[in-house]
Amino acid sequence: MLENREGQRVPNVTFRTRQHNQWVDVTTDDLFKGKTVVVFSLPGAFTPTCSSSHVPRFNELAPVFFKHGVDDILCLSVNDTFVMNEWAVDQKAEHVRFIPDGNGDFSAGMGMLVDKENLGFGKRSWRYSMLVRDGVIEKMFIEPNVEGDPYEVSDADTMLDWLAPNAVKPHSVMLFSRRTCPFCARAKGMLHDAGMAFDEILVGEQVNLRALRAATGSESVPQVFIDGQLIGGSDKLAEWIAAR
């Protein structure tokens, strides 16, 4: 049974980390004392859901968390520090601190160390998130104890909705463009000026014209999507921004 430990202190653990080619011991107090911290724990570095959804969304929403009183966001997994460091580089998650629970001591202390031997993983952490204030667990979101690797309640949006129900979340923006396209440069400039982060897909390099046509019904660039809705080219984007 996975126990909800709200109201209890986090386990007293020393994490063995590697920083700038040196071994650095990081204690529970170093991470939590006098701070408001969001922790999300997951089964393993470089695994699909963890890499495609769990880490990226916490990193994307981190500035909103910080605006609402969170000091740090920690990603914890039962992996060694070398693996976690490389995963941090791969994820480009500059707002998230990756914590190696190499021996599973913290996960065991939380009652979240589970058997994943059927996958060849050995002992790993169950997926959960929590808000910790000065070392005391205020809120936990624990995935249901069912087969597989459920991902329903430990996500960043669920935590933020609980912490700050009226928080304004950033728009999800994606832009099809070409390197030498002046209209694409205009669209990117407008997005930058509006403070809107975006992901860029280069036509002719990352995708071909057929993919652009299939996604947008057009062969021209730029093509901008906001929150899953096709806005269109730079003129349409200017209209959308003006109407905000």
Protein backbone atom coordinates (compact mmCIF):
# COMPACT_ATOMS: atom_id res chain seq x y z
CA MET A 1 0.00 0.00 0.00
CA LEU A 2 1.38 3.40 -1.03
CA GLU A 3 0.99 5.71 1.96
CA ASN A 4 0.10 9.36 1.76
CA ARG A 5 2.56 11.07 4.13
CA GLU A 6 1.10 14.56 4.26
CA GLY A 7 2.01 16.26 7.51
CA GLN A 8 5.18 14.18 7.97
CA ARG A 9 8.79 15.22 7.46
CA VAL A 10 10.71 14.03 4.44
CA PRO A 11 13.27 11.26 5.09
CA ASN A 12 16.69 12.31 6.39
CA VAL A 13 18.96 11.24 3.54
CA THR A 14 22.33 12.17 2.04
CA PHE A 15 22.41 12.13 -1.75
CA ARG A 16 25.69 11.34 -3.49
CA THR A 17 25.98 13.78 -6.38
CA ARG A 18 28.63 14.62 -8.92
CA GLN A 19 29.21 18.33 -9.59
CA HIS A 20 32.05 19.77 -11.72
CA ASN A 21 33.84 16.38 -11.65
CA GLN A 22 33.78 16.30 -7.85
CA TRP A 23 31.74 14.23 -5.41
CA VAL A 24 29.37 16.47 -3.45
CA ASP A 25 27.14 15.19 -0.66
CA VAL A 26 23.74 16.88 -0.63
CA THR A 27 21.58 16.41 2.45
CA THR A 28 17.85 16.60 2.95
CA ASP A 29 18.39 19.84 4.88
CA ASP A 30 20.32 21.30 1.94
CA LEU A 31 17.33 20.68 -0.29
CA PHE A 32 14.39 21.47 1.97
CA LYS A 33 15.30 23.50 5.07
CA GLY A 34 13.62 26.90 5.02
CA LYS A 35 12.35 26.39 1.47
CA THR A 36 9.13 25.64 -0.40
CA VAL A 37 9.94 22.81 -2.78
CA VAL A 38 8.03 20.82 -5.37
CA VAL A 39 9.30 17.26 -5.82
CA PHE A 40 8.27 14.87 -8.54
CA SER A 41 9.61 11.33 -8.45
CA LEU A 42 9.52 8.86 -11.29
CA PRO A 43 10.65 5.34 -12.28
CA GLY A 44 13.73 6.14 -14.33
CA ALA A 45 15.84 8.56 -16.31
CA PHE A 46 15.50 8.47 -20.10
CA THR A 47 12.25 6.47 -19.89
CA PRO A 48 9.43 7.50 -22.28
CA THR A 49 6.77 9.19 -20.13
CA CYS A 50 9.37 10.75 -17.86
CA SER A 51 11.28 12.28 -20.77
CA SER A 52 8.40 13.26 -23.04
CA SER A 53 5.92 14.58 -20.50
CA HIS A 54 6.79 14.62 -16.80
CA VAL A 55 10.05 16.59 -16.87
CA PRO A 56 9.25 18.93 -19.80
CA ARG A 57 5.96 20.15 -18.36
CA PHE A 58 7.41 20.83 -14.91
CA ASN A 59 10.22 22.76 -16.60
CA GLU A 60 7.75 24.69 -18.77
CA LEU A 61 5.57 25.67 -15.80
CA ALA A 62 8.51 26.34 -13.44
CA PRO A 63 8.40 30.15 -13.80
CA VAL A 64 4.74 30.07 -12.77
CA PHE A 65 5.57 27.89 -9.75
CA PHE A 66 8.34 30.31 -8.78
CA LYS A 67 5.96 33.25 -9.11
CA HIS A 68 3.66 31.55 -6.59
CA GLY A 69 6.25 30.98 -3.88
CA VAL A 70 8.07 27.79 -4.89
CA ASP A 71 11.84 28.02 -4.41
CA ASP A 72 12.96 24.83 -6.18
CA ILE A 73 11.62 22.02 -8.33
CA LEU A 74 13.33 18.65 -7.83
CA CYS A 75 13.15 15.62 -10.08
CA LEU A 76 14.07 12.47 -8.16
CA SER A 77 14.75 8.99 -9.48
CA VAL A 78 16.50 5.82 -8.34
CA ASN A 79 19.42 6.32 -10.71
CA ASP A 80 23.05 7.18 -10.07
CA THR A 81 24.33 10.74 -10.37
CA PHE A 82 26.10 10.15 -13.70
CA VAL A 83 22.86 9.01 -15.32
CA MET A 84 20.87 11.85 -13.79
CA ASN A 85 23.44 14.44 -14.87
CA GLU A 86 23.38 13.19 -18.46
CA TRP A 87 19.59 13.13 -18.45
CA ALA A 88 19.53 16.73 -17.23
CA VAL A 89 21.73 17.73 -20.17
CA ASP A 90 19.54 15.78 -22.60
CA GLN A 91 16.32 17.32 -21.25
CA LYS A 92 17.59 20.92 -21.31
CA ALA A 93 15.39 21.47 -18.25
CA GLU A 94 17.14 24.51 -16.82
CA HIS A 95 14.50 25.11 -14.14
CA VAL A 96 14.55 21.59 -12.68
CA ARG A 97 17.18 20.14 -10.35
CA PHE A 98 17.84 16.42 -10.92
CA ILE A 99 18.43 14.44 -7.70
CA PRO A 100 19.97 10.92 -7.79
CA ASP A 101 18.47 8.57 -5.23
CA GLY A 102 21.03 5.97 -6.23
CA ASN A 103 20.42 3.47 -3.44
CA GLY A 104 16.72 4.22 -3.19
CA ASP A 105 17.10 5.44 0.41
CA PHE A 106 14.81 8.45 0.01
CA SER A 107 12.23 6.46 -1.96
CA ALA A 108 12.26 3.72 0.66
CA GLY A 109 11.87 6.29 3.43
CA MET A 110 8.87 7.71 1.60
CA GLY A 111 7.36 4.22 1.28
CA MET A 112 7.55 4.62 -2.50
CA LEU A 113 10.26 2.07 -3.38
CA VAL A 114 8.62 -0.59 -5.57
CA ASP A 115 9.68 -3.73 -7.38
CA LYS A 116 10.22 -3.29 -11.13
CA GLU A 117 12.19 -6.51 -11.60
CA ASN A 118 9.77 -7.67 -14.32
CA LEU A 119 11.14 -4.83 -16.46
CA GLY A 120 14.75 -5.45 -15.47
CA PHE A 121 14.77 -2.23 -13.44
CA GLY A 122 15.16 -3.74 -9.97
CA LYS A 123 13.86 -1.42 -7.24
CA ARG A 124 12.56 1.95 -8.41
CA SER A 125 10.44 4.84 -7.18
CA TRP A 126 6.70 4.88 -7.72
CA ARG A 127 5.55 7.97 -9.61
CA TYR A 128 4.31 10.79 -7.36
CA SER A 129 4.66 14.50 -6.69
CA MET A 130 4.59 16.53 -3.49
CA LEU A 131 4.82 20.03 -2.10
CA VAL A 132 7.24 20.34 0.82
CA ARG A 133 7.52 23.39 3.10
CA ASP A 134 10.58 23.52 5.37
CA GLY A 135 10.94 19.76 5.22
CA VAL A 136 7.27 18.96 5.98
CA ILE A 137 5.10 17.37 3.30
CA GLU A 138 2.05 19.57 2.74
CA LYS A 139 0.50 17.83 -0.27
CA MET A 140 1.06 14.58 -2.17
CA PHE A 141 -0.27 13.35 -5.48
CA ILE A 142 0.37 9.60 -5.74
CA GLU A 143 -0.36 7.66 -8.90
CA PRO A 144 -2.94 4.87 -8.45
CA ASN A 145 -1.54 1.51 -7.41
CA VAL A 146 -2.33 -0.37 -10.62
CA GLU A 147 -0.38 -2.34 -13.21
CA GLY A 148 2.12 -0.49 -15.37
CA ASP A 149 3.24 3.10 -14.96
CA PRO A 150 0.16 5.30 -14.50
CA TYR A 151 0.56 9.02 -15.13
CA GLU A 152 -2.65 10.71 -14.06
CA VAL A 153 -2.15 12.94 -10.99
CA SER A 154 1.57 13.57 -10.45
CA ASP A 155 1.86 15.94 -13.40
CA ALA A 156 2.83 19.60 -13.20
CA ASP A 157 -0.61 20.94 -14.07
CA THR A 158 -2.31 19.04 -11.24
CA MET A 159 0.21 20.37 -8.72
CA LEU A 160 -0.05 23.94 -10.00
CA ASP A 161 -3.86 23.82 -10.08
CA TRP A 162 -3.81 22.83 -6.39
CA LEU A 163 -1.16 25.34 -5.37
CA ALA A 164 -2.46 28.32 -7.35
CA PRO A 165 -5.86 27.60 -8.94
CA ASN A 166 -5.99 30.98 -10.69
CA ALA A 167 -2.45 30.92 -12.03
CA VAL A 168 -2.05 31.98 -15.64
CA LYS A 169 -0.24 29.25 -17.56
CA PRO A 170 1.93 29.95 -20.60
CA HIS A 171 0.53 29.23 -24.04
CA SER A 172 1.92 26.24 -25.93
CA VAL A 173 3.29 27.63 -29.19
CA MET A 174 4.75 25.77 -32.16
CA LEU A 175 6.09 27.38 -35.32
CA PHE A 176 6.82 25.88 -38.74
CA SER A 177 9.51 28.01 -40.40
CA ARG A 178 12.47 28.20 -42.77
CA ARG A 179 15.85 29.72 -41.96
CA THR A 180 15.85 32.39 -44.68
CA CYS A 181 12.16 33.34 -44.49
CA PRO A 182 11.65 37.04 -43.54
CA PHE A 183 8.02 36.43 -42.55
CA CYS A 184 9.22 33.68 -40.19
CA ALA A 185 11.68 36.12 -38.63
CA ARG A 186 8.81 38.58 -38.18
CA ALA A 187 6.64 35.93 -36.50
CA LYS A 188 9.45 34.94 -34.14
CA GLY A 189 10.07 38.58 -33.30
CA MET A 190 6.40 39.09 -32.43
CA LEU A 191 6.40 36.02 -30.22
CA HIS A 192 9.55 37.19 -28.43
CA ASP A 193 8.08 40.67 -27.93
CA ALA A 194 4.90 39.10 -26.50
CA GLY A 195 6.96 37.02 -24.08
CA MET A 196 5.73 33.76 -25.60
CA ALA A 197 8.17 30.85 -25.71
CA PHE A 198 7.84 28.60 -28.72
CA ASP A 199 9.15 25.43 -30.33
CA GLU A 200 10.37 25.79 -33.90
CA ILE A 201 10.20 23.13 -36.61
CA LEU A 202 12.38 23.82 -39.64
CA VAL A 203 10.77 22.82 -42.93
CA GLY A 204 13.26 21.17 -45.27
CA GLU A 205 15.50 20.15 -42.36
CA GLN A 206 13.42 18.60 -39.60
CA VAL A 207 10.30 17.88 -41.66
CA ASN A 208 9.51 17.95 -45.37
CA LEU A 209 6.93 19.93 -47.31
CA ARG A 210 4.51 17.02 -47.26
CA ALA A 211 4.45 17.05 -43.44
CA LEU A 212 3.83 20.82 -43.42
CA ARG A 213 0.95 20.43 -45.88
CA ALA A 214 -0.54 17.55 -43.89
CA ALA A 215 -0.37 19.51 -40.63
CA THR A 216 -1.57 22.90 -41.86
CA GLY A 217 -3.16 22.49 -45.30
CA SER A 218 -0.62 24.98 -46.62
CA GLU A 219 2.87 24.98 -48.12
CA SER A 220 3.76 28.49 -46.97
CA VAL A 221 5.68 29.47 -43.85
CA PRO A 222 5.47 30.54 -41.14
CA GLN A 223 2.60 28.50 -39.77
CA VAL A 224 1.90 29.07 -36.09
CA PHE A 225 -0.03 26.84 -33.70
CA ILE A 226 -1.10 28.14 -30.28
CA ASP A 227 -2.56 25.72 -27.74
CA GLY A 228 -3.16 23.23 -30.52
CA GLN A 229 -5.04 25.69 -32.75
CA LEU A 230 -3.67 26.69 -36.15
CA ILE A 231 -3.34 30.48 -36.19
CA GLY A 232 -1.64 30.78 -39.59
CA GLY A 233 1.07 33.08 -40.91
CA SER A 234 2.66 36.24 -39.53
CA ASP A 235 -0.32 38.51 -40.35
CA LYS A 236 -2.73 36.15 -38.59
CA LEU A 237 -0.36 35.95 -35.65
CA ALA A 238 -0.27 39.75 -35.43
CA GLU A 239 -4.08 39.78 -35.33
CA TRP A 240 -4.14 37.10 -32.61
CA ILE A 241 -1.63 38.98 -30.44
CA ALA A 242 -3.48 42.27 -30.90
CA ALA A 243 -6.74 40.64 -29.79
CA ARG A 244 -5.30 39.14 -26.56
